[in-house]
Amino acid sequence: MSIRHYFRRPAAVSAEEAMRLIEAGALVVDVRREREWRNHHIPGSHHLPIDQLEERAEELPDDRLLIAFCTGGLISRGAANLLVELGFDAVNLSRGLIEWRAAGGPLEGERVG
């Protein structure tokens, strides 16, 4: 992925809005590394590391809104841009895990609880 993906501004949603969208059927695409995913992730999210996103994009449904997710929102912004370029309906979870936790969003994984 080129650096230009990180400078564009895809549509962004807050953690509260993401929770509503997930209830309505959106899918969270967690683009963090394996270790970060194992430690904690949003229940029901799909793990697809940013460096594998383009070659594994066919794993993603094309009939659901995708919410790109990372720790702080910067890498997932690039992921959301790429997903849109690939033809998906995608948004970025602004401030990522930081905002998700602050909003009381659920997490699961090895280091939760």
PDB file of N, CA and C in Angstrom:
ATOM      1  N   MET A   1       0.860  -1.162   0.000  1.00  0.00           N
ATOM      2  CA  MET A   1       0.000   0.000   0.000  1.00  0.00           C
ATOM      3  C   MET A   1       0.908   1.228   0.000  1.00  0.00           C
ATOM      4  N   SER A   2       0.554   2.203  -0.820  1.00  0.00           N
ATOM      5  CA  SER A   2       1.381   3.406  -0.903  1.00  0.00           C
ATOM      6  C   SER A   2       1.030   4.377   0.225  1.00  0.00           C
ATOM      7  N   ILE A   3       1.914   5.323   0.419  1.00  0.00           N
ATOM      8  CA  ILE A   3       1.737   6.320   1.482  1.00  0.00           C
ATOM      9  C   ILE A   3       0.488   7.175   1.256  1.00  0.00           C
ATOM     10  N   ARG A   4       0.041   7.319   0.017  1.00  0.00           N
ATOM     11  CA  ARG A   4      -1.130   8.161  -0.265  1.00  0.00           C
ATOM     12  C   ARG A   4      -2.388   7.662   0.429  1.00  0.00           C
ATOM     13  N   HIS A   5      -2.456   6.378   0.723  1.00  0.00           N
ATOM     14  CA  HIS A   5      -3.624   5.833   1.413  1.00  0.00           C
ATOM     15  C   HIS A   5      -3.776   6.393   2.820  1.00  0.00           C
ATOM     16  N   TYR A   6      -2.676   6.815   3.421  1.00  0.00           N
ATOM     17  CA  TYR A   6      -2.722   7.324   4.783  1.00  0.00           C
ATOM     18  C   TYR A   6      -3.095   8.802   4.864  1.00  0.00           C
ATOM     19  N   PHE A   7      -3.056   9.500   3.726  1.00  0.00           N
ATOM     20  CA  PHE A   7      -3.347  10.928   3.731  1.00  0.00           C
ATOM     21  C   PHE A   7      -4.752  11.270   3.264  1.00  0.00           C
ATOM     22  N   ARG A   8      -5.410  10.377   2.605  1.00  0.00           N
ATOM     23  CA  ARG A   8      -6.804  10.601   2.227  1.00  0.00           C
ATOM     24  C   ARG A   8      -7.664  10.477   3.458  1.00  0.00           C
ATOM     25  N   ARG A   9      -8.831  11.046   3.390  1.00  0.00           N
ATOM     26  CA  ARG A   9      -9.751  10.988   4.521  1.00  0.00           C
ATOM     27  C   ARG A   9     -11.013  10.227   4.122  1.00  0.00           C
ATOM     28  N   PRO A  10     -11.058   8.918   4.405  1.00  0.00           N
ATOM     29  CA  PRO A  10     -12.291   8.177   4.130  1.00  0.00           C
ATOM     30  C   PRO A  10     -13.346   8.585   5.153  1.00  0.00           C
ATOM     31  N   ALA A  11     -14.559   8.198   4.899  1.00  0.00           N
ATOM     32  CA  ALA A  11     -15.615   8.441   5.886  1.00  0.00           C
ATOM     33  C   ALA A  11     -15.183   7.804   7.201  1.00  0.00           C
ATOM     34  N   ALA A  12     -15.430   8.506   8.292  1.00  0.00           N
ATOM     35  CA  ALA A  12     -15.036   8.006   9.612  1.00  0.00           C
ATOM     36  C   ALA A  12     -16.255   7.960  10.506  1.00  0.00           C
ATOM     37  N   VAL A  13     -16.260   6.997  11.422  1.00  0.00           N
ATOM     38  CA  VAL A  13     -17.345   6.869  12.382  1.00  0.00           C
ATOM     39  C   VAL A  13     -16.756   6.827  13.787  1.00  0.00           C
ATOM     40  N   SER A  14     -17.534   7.291  14.745  1.00  0.00           N
ATOM     41  CA  SER A  14     -17.137   7.213  16.147  1.00  0.00           C
ATOM     42  C   SER A  14     -17.388   5.785  16.649  1.00  0.00           C
ATOM     43  N   ALA A  15     -16.882   5.496  17.828  1.00  0.00           N
ATOM     44  CA  ALA A  15     -17.111   4.181  18.423  1.00  0.00           C
ATOM     45  C   ALA A  15     -18.596   3.944  18.662  1.00  0.00           C
ATOM     46  N   GLU A  16     -19.300   4.960  19.140  1.00  0.00           N
ATOM     47  CA  GLU A  16     -20.737   4.809  19.389  1.00  0.00           C
ATOM     48  C   GLU A  16     -21.487   4.514  18.094  1.00  0.00           C
ATOM     49  N   GLU A  17     -21.131   5.233  17.024  1.00  0.00           N
ATOM     50  CA  GLU A  17     -21.778   4.985  15.744  1.00  0.00           C
ATOM     51  C   GLU A  17     -21.413   3.604  15.213  1.00  0.00           C
ATOM     52  N   ALA A  18     -20.156   3.197  15.407  1.00  0.00           N
ATOM     53  CA  ALA A  18     -19.735   1.865  14.971  1.00  0.00           C
ATOM     54  C   ALA A  18     -20.540   0.780  15.676  1.00  0.00           C
ATOM     55  N   MET A  19     -20.803   0.961  16.963  1.00  0.00           N
ATOM     56  CA  MET A  19     -21.596  -0.034  17.698  1.00  0.00           C
ATOM     57  C   MET A  19     -22.987  -0.171  17.092  1.00  0.00           C
ATOM     58  N   ARG A  20     -23.592   0.951  16.725  1.00  0.00           N
ATOM     59  CA  ARG A  20     -24.920   0.906  16.080  1.00  0.00           C
ATOM     60  C   ARG A  20     -24.839   0.231  14.711  1.00  0.00           C
ATOM     61  N   LEU A  21     -23.794   0.544  13.953  1.00  0.00           N
ATOM     62  CA  LEU A  21     -23.634  -0.056  12.625  1.00  0.00           C
ATOM     63  C   LEU A  21     -23.392  -1.557  12.721  1.00  0.00           C
ATOM     64  N   ILE A  22     -22.631  -1.986  13.722  1.00  0.00           N
ATOM     65  CA  ILE A  22     -22.388  -3.414  13.922  1.00  0.00           C
ATOM     66  C   ILE A  22     -23.697  -4.126  14.247  1.00  0.00           C
ATOM     67  N   GLU A  23     -24.502  -3.532  15.086  1.00  0.00           N
ATOM     68  CA  GLU A  23     -25.823  -4.112  15.392  1.00  0.00           C
ATOM     69  C   GLU A  23     -26.675  -4.229  14.142  1.00  0.00           C
ATOM     70  N   ALA A  24     -26.493  -3.302  13.203  1.00  0.00           N
ATOM     71  CA  ALA A  24     -27.271  -3.295  11.961  1.00  0.00           C
ATOM     72  C   ALA A  24     -26.657  -4.199  10.888  1.00  0.00           C
ATOM     73  N   GLY A  25     -25.509  -4.834  11.187  1.00  0.00           N
ATOM     74  CA  GLY A  25     -24.936  -5.798  10.255  1.00  0.00           C
ATOM     75  C   GLY A  25     -23.570  -5.470   9.695  1.00  0.00           C
ATOM     76  N   ALA A  26     -22.978  -4.346  10.064  1.00  0.00           N
ATOM     77  CA  ALA A  26     -21.637  -4.015   9.578  1.00  0.00           C
ATOM     78  C   ALA A  26     -20.614  -4.987  10.157  1.00  0.00           C
ATOM     79  N   LEU A  27     -19.506  -5.142   9.455  1.00  0.00           N
ATOM     80  CA  LEU A  27     -18.429  -6.031   9.876  1.00  0.00           C
ATOM     81  C   LEU A  27     -17.180  -5.220  10.170  1.00  0.00           C
ATOM     82  N   VAL A  28     -16.589  -5.429  11.339  1.00  0.00           N
ATOM     83  CA  VAL A  28     -15.325  -4.787  11.690  1.00  0.00           C
ATOM     84  C   VAL A  28     -14.194  -5.595  11.065  1.00  0.00           C
ATOM     85  N   VAL A  29     -13.296  -4.896  10.364  1.00  0.00           N
ATOM     86  CA  VAL A  29     -12.109  -5.516   9.783  1.00  0.00           C
ATOM     87  C   VAL A  29     -10.910  -4.987  10.564  1.00  0.00           C
ATOM     88  N   ASP A  30     -10.347  -5.828  11.396  1.00  0.00           N
ATOM     89  CA  ASP A  30      -9.228  -5.464  12.263  1.00  0.00           C
ATOM     90  C   ASP A  30      -7.940  -5.643  11.466  1.00  0.00           C
ATOM     91  N   VAL A  31      -7.238  -4.542  11.193  1.00  0.00           N
ATOM     92  CA  VAL A  31      -6.055  -4.583  10.329  1.00  0.00           C
ATOM     93  C   VAL A  31      -4.745  -4.582  11.111  1.00  0.00           C
ATOM     94  N   ARG A  32      -4.810  -4.835  12.409  1.00  0.00           N
ATOM     95  CA  ARG A  32      -3.611  -4.856  13.240  1.00  0.00           C
ATOM     96  C   ARG A  32      -2.847  -6.164  13.064  1.00  0.00           C
ATOM     97  N   ARG A  33      -1.660  -6.215  13.649  1.00  0.00           N
ATOM     98  CA  ARG A  33      -0.823  -7.414  13.583  1.00  0.00           C
ATOM     99  C   ARG A  33      -1.406  -8.528  14.442  1.00  0.00           C
ATOM    100  N   GLU A  34      -0.931  -9.735  14.200  1.00  0.00           N
ATOM    101  CA  GLU A  34      -1.430 -10.937  14.884  1.00  0.00           C
ATOM    102  C   GLU A  34      -1.355 -10.815  16.407  1.00  0.00           C
ATOM    103  N   ARG A  35      -0.233 -10.349  16.916  1.00  0.00           N
ATOM    104  CA  ARG A  35      -0.060 -10.237  18.374  1.00  0.00           C
ATOM    105  C   ARG A  35      -1.095  -9.298  18.978  1.00  0.00           C
ATOM    106  N   GLU A  36      -1.315  -8.173  18.324  1.00  0.00           N
ATOM    107  CA  GLU A  36      -2.309  -7.222  18.819  1.00  0.00           C
ATOM    108  C   GLU A  36      -3.705  -7.833  18.779  1.00  0.00           C
ATOM    109  N   TRP A  37      -4.014  -8.552  17.726  1.00  0.00           N
ATOM    110  CA  TRP A  37      -5.309  -9.228  17.575  1.00  0.00           C
ATOM    111  C   TRP A  37      -5.519 -10.236  18.696  1.00  0.00           C
ATOM    112  N   ARG A  38      -4.501 -11.058  18.965  1.00  0.00           N
ATOM    113  CA  ARG A  38      -4.624 -12.067  20.028  1.00  0.00           C
ATOM    114  C   ARG A  38      -4.861 -11.423  21.384  1.00  0.00           C
ATOM    115  N   ASN A  39      -4.191 -10.303  21.644  1.00  0.00           N
ATOM    116  CA  ASN A  39      -4.337  -9.635  22.933  1.00  0.00           C
ATOM    117  C   ASN A  39      -5.766  -9.181  23.187  1.00  0.00           C
ATOM    118  N   HIS A  40      -6.372  -8.534  22.228  1.00  0.00           N
ATOM    119  CA  HIS A  40      -7.747  -8.060  22.369  1.00  0.00           C
ATOM    120  C   HIS A  40      -8.283  -7.605  21.025  1.00  0.00           C
ATOM    121  N   HIS A  41      -9.532  -7.938  20.782  1.00  0.00           N
ATOM    122  CA  HIS A  41     -10.198  -7.538  19.550  1.00  0.00           C
ATOM    123  C   HIS A  41     -11.706  -7.431  19.787  1.00  0.00           C
ATOM    124  N   ILE A  42     -12.368  -6.788  18.855  1.00  0.00           N
ATOM    125  CA  ILE A  42     -13.818  -6.633  18.941  1.00  0.00           C
ATOM    126  C   ILE A  42     -14.466  -7.972  18.610  1.00  0.00           C
ATOM    127  N   PRO A  43     -15.370  -8.463  19.448  1.00  0.00           N
ATOM    128  CA  PRO A  43     -16.033  -9.735  19.158  1.00  0.00           C
ATOM    129  C   PRO A  43     -16.711  -9.704  17.784  1.00  0.00           C
ATOM    130  N   GLY A  44     -16.514 -10.776  17.035  1.00  0.00           N
ATOM    131  CA  GLY A  44     -17.131 -10.899  15.720  1.00  0.00           C
ATOM    132  C   GLY A  44     -16.382 -10.199  14.605  1.00  0.00           C
ATOM    133  N   SER A  45     -15.266  -9.549  14.934  1.00  0.00           N
ATOM    134  CA  SER A  45     -14.507  -8.858  13.895  1.00  0.00           C
ATOM    135  C   SER A  45     -13.705  -9.854  13.063  1.00  0.00           C
ATOM    136  N   HIS A  46     -13.339  -9.417  11.869  1.00  0.00           N
ATOM    137  CA  HIS A  46     -12.549 -10.237  10.950  1.00  0.00           C
ATOM    138  C   HIS A  46     -11.116  -9.727  10.986  1.00  0.00           C
ATOM    139  N   HIS A  47     -10.167 -10.587  11.302  1.00  0.00           N
ATOM    140  CA  HIS A  47      -8.765 -10.179  11.355  1.00  0.00           C
ATOM    141  C   HIS A  47      -8.142 -10.314   9.972  1.00  0.00           C
ATOM    142  N   LEU A  48      -7.657  -9.182   9.449  1.00  0.00           N
ATOM    143  CA  LEU A  48      -7.011  -9.164   8.143  1.00  0.00           C
ATOM    144  C   LEU A  48      -5.909  -8.104   8.202  1.00  0.00           C
ATOM    145  N   PRO A  49      -4.674  -8.518   8.551  1.00  0.00           N
ATOM    146  CA  PRO A  49      -3.595  -7.545   8.719  1.00  0.00           C
ATOM    147  C   PRO A  49      -3.425  -6.644   7.497  1.00  0.00           C
ATOM    148  N   ILE A  50      -3.081  -5.404   7.742  1.00  0.00           N
ATOM    149  CA  ILE A  50      -2.965  -4.402   6.687  1.00  0.00           C
ATOM    150  C   ILE A  50      -2.062  -4.861   5.556  1.00  0.00           C
ATOM    151  N   ASP A  51      -0.968  -5.561   5.867  1.00  0.00           N
ATOM    152  CA  ASP A  51      -0.047  -5.979   4.815  1.00  0.00           C
ATOM    153  C   ASP A  51      -0.585  -7.128   3.963  1.00  0.00           C
ATOM    154  N   GLN A  52      -1.721  -7.698   4.327  1.00  0.00           N
ATOM    155  CA  GLN A  52      -2.345  -8.774   3.554  1.00  0.00           C
ATOM    156  C   GLN A  52      -3.694  -8.352   2.964  1.00  0.00           C
ATOM    157  N   LEU A  53      -4.075  -7.132   3.220  1.00  0.00           N
ATOM    158  CA  LEU A  53      -5.424  -6.677   2.886  1.00  0.00           C
ATOM    159  C   LEU A  53      -5.755  -6.823   1.399  1.00  0.00           C
ATOM    160  N   GLU A  54      -4.879  -6.348   0.555  1.00  0.00           N
ATOM    161  CA  GLU A  54      -5.193  -6.375  -0.875  1.00  0.00           C
ATOM    162  C   GLU A  54      -5.282  -7.793  -1.424  1.00  0.00           C
ATOM    163  N   GLU A  55      -4.328  -8.660  -1.067  1.00  0.00           N
ATOM    164  CA  GLU A  55      -4.353 -10.016  -1.628  1.00  0.00           C
ATOM    165  C   GLU A  55      -5.427 -10.912  -1.003  1.00  0.00           C
ATOM    166  N   ARG A  56      -5.951 -10.567   0.172  1.00  0.00           N
ATOM    167  CA  ARG A  56      -6.970 -11.397   0.820  1.00  0.00           C
ATOM    168  C   ARG A  56      -8.348 -10.740   0.847  1.00  0.00           C
ATOM    169  N   ALA A  57      -8.510  -9.653   0.129  1.00  0.00           N
ATOM    170  CA  ALA A  57      -9.771  -8.907   0.152  1.00  0.00           C
ATOM    171  C   ALA A  57     -10.971  -9.760  -0.264  1.00  0.00           C
ATOM    172  N   GLU A  58     -10.747 -10.797  -1.046  1.00  0.00           N
ATOM    173  CA  GLU A  58     -11.868 -11.650  -1.473  1.00  0.00           C
ATOM    174  C   GLU A  58     -12.519 -12.387  -0.306  1.00  0.00           C
ATOM    175  N   GLU A  59     -11.864 -12.425   0.848  1.00  0.00           N
ATOM    176  CA  GLU A  59     -12.448 -13.034   2.047  1.00  0.00           C
ATOM    177  C   GLU A  59     -13.572 -12.176   2.634  1.00  0.00           C
ATOM    178  N   LEU A  60     -13.613 -10.927   2.245  1.00  0.00           N
ATOM    179  CA  LEU A  60     -14.573  -9.995   2.831  1.00  0.00           C
ATOM    180  C   LEU A  60     -15.890  -9.992   2.067  1.00  0.00           C
ATOM    181  N   PRO A  61     -16.995  -9.836   2.775  1.00  0.00           N
ATOM    182  CA  PRO A  61     -18.293  -9.778   2.094  1.00  0.00           C
ATOM    183  C   PRO A  61     -18.437  -8.455   1.343  1.00  0.00           C
ATOM    184  N   ASP A  62     -19.040  -8.515   0.167  1.00  0.00           N
ATOM    185  CA  ASP A  62     -19.232  -7.281  -0.598  1.00  0.00           C
ATOM    186  C   ASP A  62     -20.641  -6.719  -0.435  1.00  0.00           C
ATOM    187  N   ASP A  63     -21.415  -7.313   0.470  1.00  0.00           N
ATOM    188  CA  ASP A  63     -22.787  -6.858   0.680  1.00  0.00           C
ATOM    189  C   ASP A  63     -23.010  -6.277   2.081  1.00  0.00           C
ATOM    190  N   ARG A  64     -21.914  -5.949   2.775  1.00  0.00           N
ATOM    191  CA  ARG A  64     -22.000  -5.371   4.120  1.00  0.00           C
ATOM    192  C   ARG A  64     -21.064  -4.174   4.219  1.00  0.00           C
ATOM    193  N   LEU A  65     -21.416  -3.237   5.062  1.00  0.00           N
ATOM    194  CA  LEU A  65     -20.522  -2.141   5.364  1.00  0.00           C
ATOM    195  C   LEU A  65     -19.339  -2.698   6.150  1.00  0.00           C
ATOM    196  N   LEU A  66     -18.129  -2.290   5.782  1.00  0.00           N
ATOM    197  CA  LEU A  66     -16.924  -2.708   6.478  1.00  0.00           C
ATOM    198  C   LEU A  66     -16.403  -1.529   7.298  1.00  0.00           C
ATOM    199  N   ILE A  67     -16.040  -1.799   8.545  1.00  0.00           N
ATOM    200  CA  ILE A  67     -15.484  -0.784   9.425  1.00  0.00           C
ATOM    201  C   ILE A  67     -14.035  -1.156   9.693  1.00  0.00           C
ATOM    202  N   ALA A  68     -13.106  -0.400   9.109  1.00  0.00           N
ATOM    203  CA  ALA A  68     -11.678  -0.659   9.318  1.00  0.00           C
ATOM    204  C   ALA A  68     -11.292  -0.227  10.729  1.00  0.00           C
ATOM    205  N   PHE A  69     -10.459  -1.044  11.379  1.00  0.00           N
ATOM    206  CA  PHE A  69     -10.147  -0.858  12.792  1.00  0.00           C
ATOM    207  C   PHE A  69      -8.671  -1.123  13.069  1.00  0.00           C
ATOM    208  N   CYS A  70      -8.039  -0.233  13.849  1.00  0.00           N
ATOM    209  CA  CYS A  70      -6.680  -0.446  14.336  1.00  0.00           C
ATOM    210  C   CYS A  70      -6.583   0.167  15.730  1.00  0.00           C
ATOM    211  N   THR A  71      -5.392   0.386  16.223  1.00  0.00           N
ATOM    212  CA  THR A  71      -5.233   0.900  17.581  1.00  0.00           C
ATOM    213  C   THR A  71      -5.608   2.372  17.702  1.00  0.00           C
ATOM    214  N   GLY A  72      -5.136   3.205  16.778  1.00  0.00           N
ATOM    215  CA  GLY A  72      -5.368   4.643  16.901  1.00  0.00           C
ATOM    216  C   GLY A  72      -6.134   5.278  15.768  1.00  0.00           C
ATOM    217  N   GLY A  73      -6.423   4.546  14.708  1.00  0.00           N
ATOM    218  CA  GLY A  73      -7.209   5.069  13.601  1.00  0.00           C
ATOM    219  C   GLY A  73      -6.430   5.477  12.372  1.00  0.00           C
ATOM    220  N   LEU A  74      -5.113   5.587  12.456  1.00  0.00           N
ATOM    221  CA  LEU A  74      -4.328   6.028  11.308  1.00  0.00           C
ATOM    222  C   LEU A  74      -4.162   4.918  10.273  1.00  0.00           C
ATOM    223  N   ILE A  75      -3.721   3.755  10.691  1.00  0.00           N
ATOM    224  CA  ILE A  75      -3.528   2.648   9.746  1.00  0.00           C
ATOM    225  C   ILE A  75      -4.862   2.204   9.177  1.00  0.00           C
ATOM    226  N   SER A  76      -5.892   2.194   9.997  1.00  0.00           N
ATOM    227  CA  SER A  76      -7.201   1.791   9.485  1.00  0.00           C
ATOM    228  C   SER A  76      -7.766   2.822   8.508  1.00  0.00           C
ATOM    229  N   ARG A  77      -7.329   4.072   8.603  1.00  0.00           N
ATOM    230  CA  ARG A  77      -7.751   5.069   7.614  1.00  0.00           C
ATOM    231  C   ARG A  77      -7.228   4.660   6.236  1.00  0.00           C
ATOM    232  N   GLY A  78      -5.954   4.260   6.176  1.00  0.00           N
ATOM    233  CA  GLY A  78      -5.399   3.770   4.921  1.00  0.00           C
ATOM    234  C   GLY A  78      -6.100   2.513   4.443  1.00  0.00           C
ATOM    235  N   ALA A  79      -6.442   1.635   5.379  1.00  0.00           N
ATOM    236  CA  ALA A  79      -7.154   0.404   5.020  1.00  0.00           C
ATOM    237  C   ALA A  79      -8.533   0.713   4.461  1.00  0.00           C
ATOM    238  N   ALA A  80      -9.243   1.651   5.081  1.00  0.00           N
ATOM    239  CA  ALA A  80     -10.567   2.033   4.589  1.00  0.00           C
ATOM    240  C   ALA A  80     -10.461   2.606   3.178  1.00  0.00           C
ATOM    241  N   ASN A  81      -9.448   3.427   2.925  1.00  0.00           N
ATOM    242  CA  ASN A  81      -9.235   3.960   1.578  1.00  0.00           C
ATOM    243  C   ASN A  81      -9.029   2.836   0.574  1.00  0.00           C
ATOM    244  N   LEU A  82      -8.182   1.887   0.918  1.00  0.00           N
ATOM    245  CA  LEU A  82      -7.912   0.776   0.020  1.00  0.00           C
ATOM    246  C   LEU A  82      -9.171  -0.046  -0.230  1.00  0.00           C
ATOM    247  N   LEU A  83      -9.935  -0.318   0.817  1.00  0.00           N
ATOM    248  CA  LEU A  83     -11.165  -1.085   0.652  1.00  0.00           C
ATOM    249  C   LEU A  83     -12.142  -0.375  -0.290  1.00  0.00           C
ATOM    250  N   VAL A  84     -12.244   0.942  -0.153  1.00  0.00           N
ATOM    251  CA  VAL A  84     -13.117   1.707  -1.055  1.00  0.00           C
ATOM    252  C   VAL A  84     -12.604   1.597  -2.493  1.00  0.00           C
ATOM    253  N   GLU A  85     -11.294   1.723  -2.672  1.00  0.00           N
ATOM    254  CA  GLU A  85     -10.713   1.583  -4.013  1.00  0.00           C
ATOM    255  C   GLU A  85     -10.977   0.202  -4.601  1.00  0.00           C
ATOM    256  N   LEU A  86     -11.054  -0.801  -3.752  1.00  0.00           N
ATOM    257  CA  LEU A  86     -11.317  -2.168  -4.204  1.00  0.00           C
ATOM    258  C   LEU A  86     -12.804  -2.439  -4.426  1.00  0.00           C
ATOM    259  N   GLY A  87     -13.643  -1.428  -4.178  1.00  0.00           N
ATOM    260  CA  GLY A  87     -15.059  -1.562  -4.465  1.00  0.00           C
ATOM    261  C   GLY A  87     -15.949  -1.863  -3.275  1.00  0.00           C
ATOM    262  N   PHE A  88     -15.400  -1.870  -2.075  1.00  0.00           N
ATOM    263  CA  PHE A  88     -16.190  -2.143  -0.888  1.00  0.00           C
ATOM    264  C   PHE A  88     -16.786  -0.858  -0.324  1.00  0.00           C
ATOM    265  N   ASP A  89     -17.861  -0.997   0.402  1.00  0.00           N
ATOM    266  CA  ASP A  89     -18.439   0.105   1.171  1.00  0.00           C
ATOM    267  C   ASP A  89     -17.733   0.059   2.517  1.00  0.00           C
ATOM    268  N   ALA A  90     -16.830   1.022   2.769  1.00  0.00           N
ATOM    269  CA  ALA A  90     -16.002   0.956   3.971  1.00  0.00           C
ATOM    270  C   ALA A  90     -15.848   2.322   4.615  1.00  0.00           C
ATOM    271  N   VAL A  91     -15.702   2.303   5.934  1.00  0.00           N
ATOM    272  CA  VAL A  91     -15.449   3.501   6.731  1.00  0.00           C
ATOM    273  C   VAL A  91     -14.332   3.181   7.718  1.00  0.00           C
ATOM    274  N   ASN A  92     -13.801   4.221   8.320  1.00  0.00           N
ATOM    275  CA  ASN A  92     -12.747   4.077   9.319  1.00  0.00           C
ATOM    276  C   ASN A  92     -13.323   4.337  10.708  1.00  0.00           C
ATOM    277  N   LEU A  93     -12.942   3.518  11.672  1.00  0.00           N
ATOM    278  CA  LEU A  93     -13.300   3.776  13.064  1.00  0.00           C
ATOM    279  C   LEU A  93     -12.284   4.782  13.603  1.00  0.00           C
ATOM    280  N   SER A  94     -12.705   6.034  13.693  1.00  0.00           N
ATOM    281  CA  SER A  94     -11.783   7.089  14.124  1.00  0.00           C
ATOM    282  C   SER A  94     -11.267   6.799  15.531  1.00  0.00           C
ATOM    283  N   ARG A  95      -9.994   7.008  15.721  1.00  0.00           N
ATOM    284  CA  ARG A  95      -9.312   6.785  17.006  1.00  0.00           C
ATOM    285  C   ARG A  95      -9.321   5.320  17.451  1.00  0.00           C
ATOM    286  N   GLY A  96      -9.789   4.407  16.622  1.00  0.00           N
ATOM    287  CA  GLY A  96      -9.655   2.975  16.814  1.00  0.00           C
ATOM    288  C   GLY A  96      -9.929   2.442  18.205  1.00  0.00           C
ATOM    289  N   LEU A  97      -9.020   1.588  18.647  1.00  0.00           N
ATOM    290  CA  LEU A  97      -9.157   0.915  19.943  1.00  0.00           C
ATOM    291  C   LEU A  97      -9.232   1.911  21.094  1.00  0.00           C
ATOM    292  N   ILE A  98      -8.543   3.022  20.959  1.00  0.00           N
ATOM    293  CA  ILE A  98      -8.546   4.035  22.008  1.00  0.00           C
ATOM    294  C   ILE A  98      -9.970   4.520  22.268  1.00  0.00           C
ATOM    295  N   GLU A  99     -10.669   4.905  21.198  1.00  0.00           N
ATOM    296  CA  GLU A  99     -12.047   5.394  21.353  1.00  0.00           C
ATOM    297  C   GLU A  99     -13.007   4.258  21.698  1.00  0.00           C
ATOM    298  N   TRP A 100     -12.766   3.075  21.129  1.00  0.00           N
ATOM    299  CA  TRP A 100     -13.622   1.922  21.402  1.00  0.00           C
ATOM    300  C   TRP A 100     -13.643   1.616  22.907  1.00  0.00           C
ATOM    301  N   ARG A 101     -12.466   1.576  23.506  1.00  0.00           N
ATOM    302  CA  ARG A 101     -12.377   1.316  24.950  1.00  0.00           C
ATOM    303  C   ARG A 101     -13.043   2.427  25.753  1.00  0.00           C
ATOM    304  N   ALA A 102     -12.790   3.679  25.377  1.00  0.00           N
ATOM    305  CA  ALA A 102     -13.362   4.813  26.097  1.00  0.00           C
ATOM    306  C   ALA A 102     -14.882   4.792  26.053  1.00  0.00           C
ATOM    307  N   ALA A 103     -15.449   4.261  24.971  1.00  0.00           N
ATOM    308  CA  ALA A 103     -16.897   4.182  24.827  1.00  0.00           C
ATOM    309  C   ALA A 103     -17.476   2.940  25.496  1.00  0.00           C
ATOM    310  N   GLY A 104     -16.619   2.097  26.076  1.00  0.00           N
ATOM    311  CA  GLY A 104     -17.093   0.890  26.752  1.00  0.00           C
ATOM    312  C   GLY A 104     -17.403  -0.257  25.816  1.00  0.00           C
ATOM    313  N   GLY A 105     -16.812  -0.217  24.611  1.00  0.00           N
ATOM    314  CA  GLY A 105     -17.049  -1.290  23.643  1.00  0.00           C
ATOM    315  C   GLY A 105     -16.502  -2.620  24.130  1.00  0.00           C
ATOM    316  N   PRO A 106     -17.173  -3.727  23.805  1.00  0.00           N
ATOM    317  CA  PRO A 106     -16.722  -5.040  24.266  1.00  0.00           C
ATOM    318  C   PRO A 106     -15.448  -5.478  23.553  1.00  0.00           C
ATOM    319  N   LEU A 107     -14.623  -6.241  24.267  1.00  0.00           N
ATOM    320  CA  LEU A 107     -13.402  -6.810  23.717  1.00  0.00           C
ATOM    321  C   LEU A 107     -13.287  -8.250  24.178  1.00  0.00           C
ATOM    322  N   GLU A 108     -12.580  -9.037  23.384  1.00  0.00           N
ATOM    323  CA  GLU A 108     -12.245 -10.399  23.785  1.00  0.00           C
ATOM    324  C   GLU A 108     -10.811 -10.673  23.359  1.00  0.00           C
ATOM    325  N   GLY A 109     -10.194 -11.671  23.957  1.00  0.00           N
ATOM    326  CA  GLY A 109      -8.828 -12.022  23.628  1.00  0.00           C
ATOM    327  C   GLY A 109      -8.066 -12.473  24.859  1.00  0.00           C
ATOM    328  N   GLU A 110      -6.765 -12.703  24.671  1.00  0.00           N
ATOM    329  CA  GLU A 110      -5.915 -13.235  25.742  1.00  0.00           C
ATOM    330  C   GLU A 110      -5.704 -12.266  26.890  1.00  0.00           C
ATOM    331  N   ARG A 111      -5.734 -10.954  26.626  1.00  0.00           N
ATOM    332  CA  ARG A 111      -5.407  -9.982  27.667  1.00  0.00           C
ATOM    333  C   ARG A 111      -6.614  -9.142  28.066  1.00  0.00           C
ATOM    334  N   VAL A 112      -7.772  -9.685  27.922  1.00  0.00           N
ATOM    335  CA  VAL A 112      -8.996  -8.973  28.316  1.00  0.00           C
ATOM    336  C   VAL A 112      -9.445  -9.505  29.668  1.00  0.00           C
ATOM    337  N   GLY A 113      -9.842  -8.596  30.521  1.00  0.00           N
ATOM    338  CA  GLY A 113     -10.398  -9.002  31.802  1.00  0.00           C
ATOM    339  C   GLY A 113      -9.364  -9.150  32.801  1.00  0.00           C
TER     340      GLY A 113
END
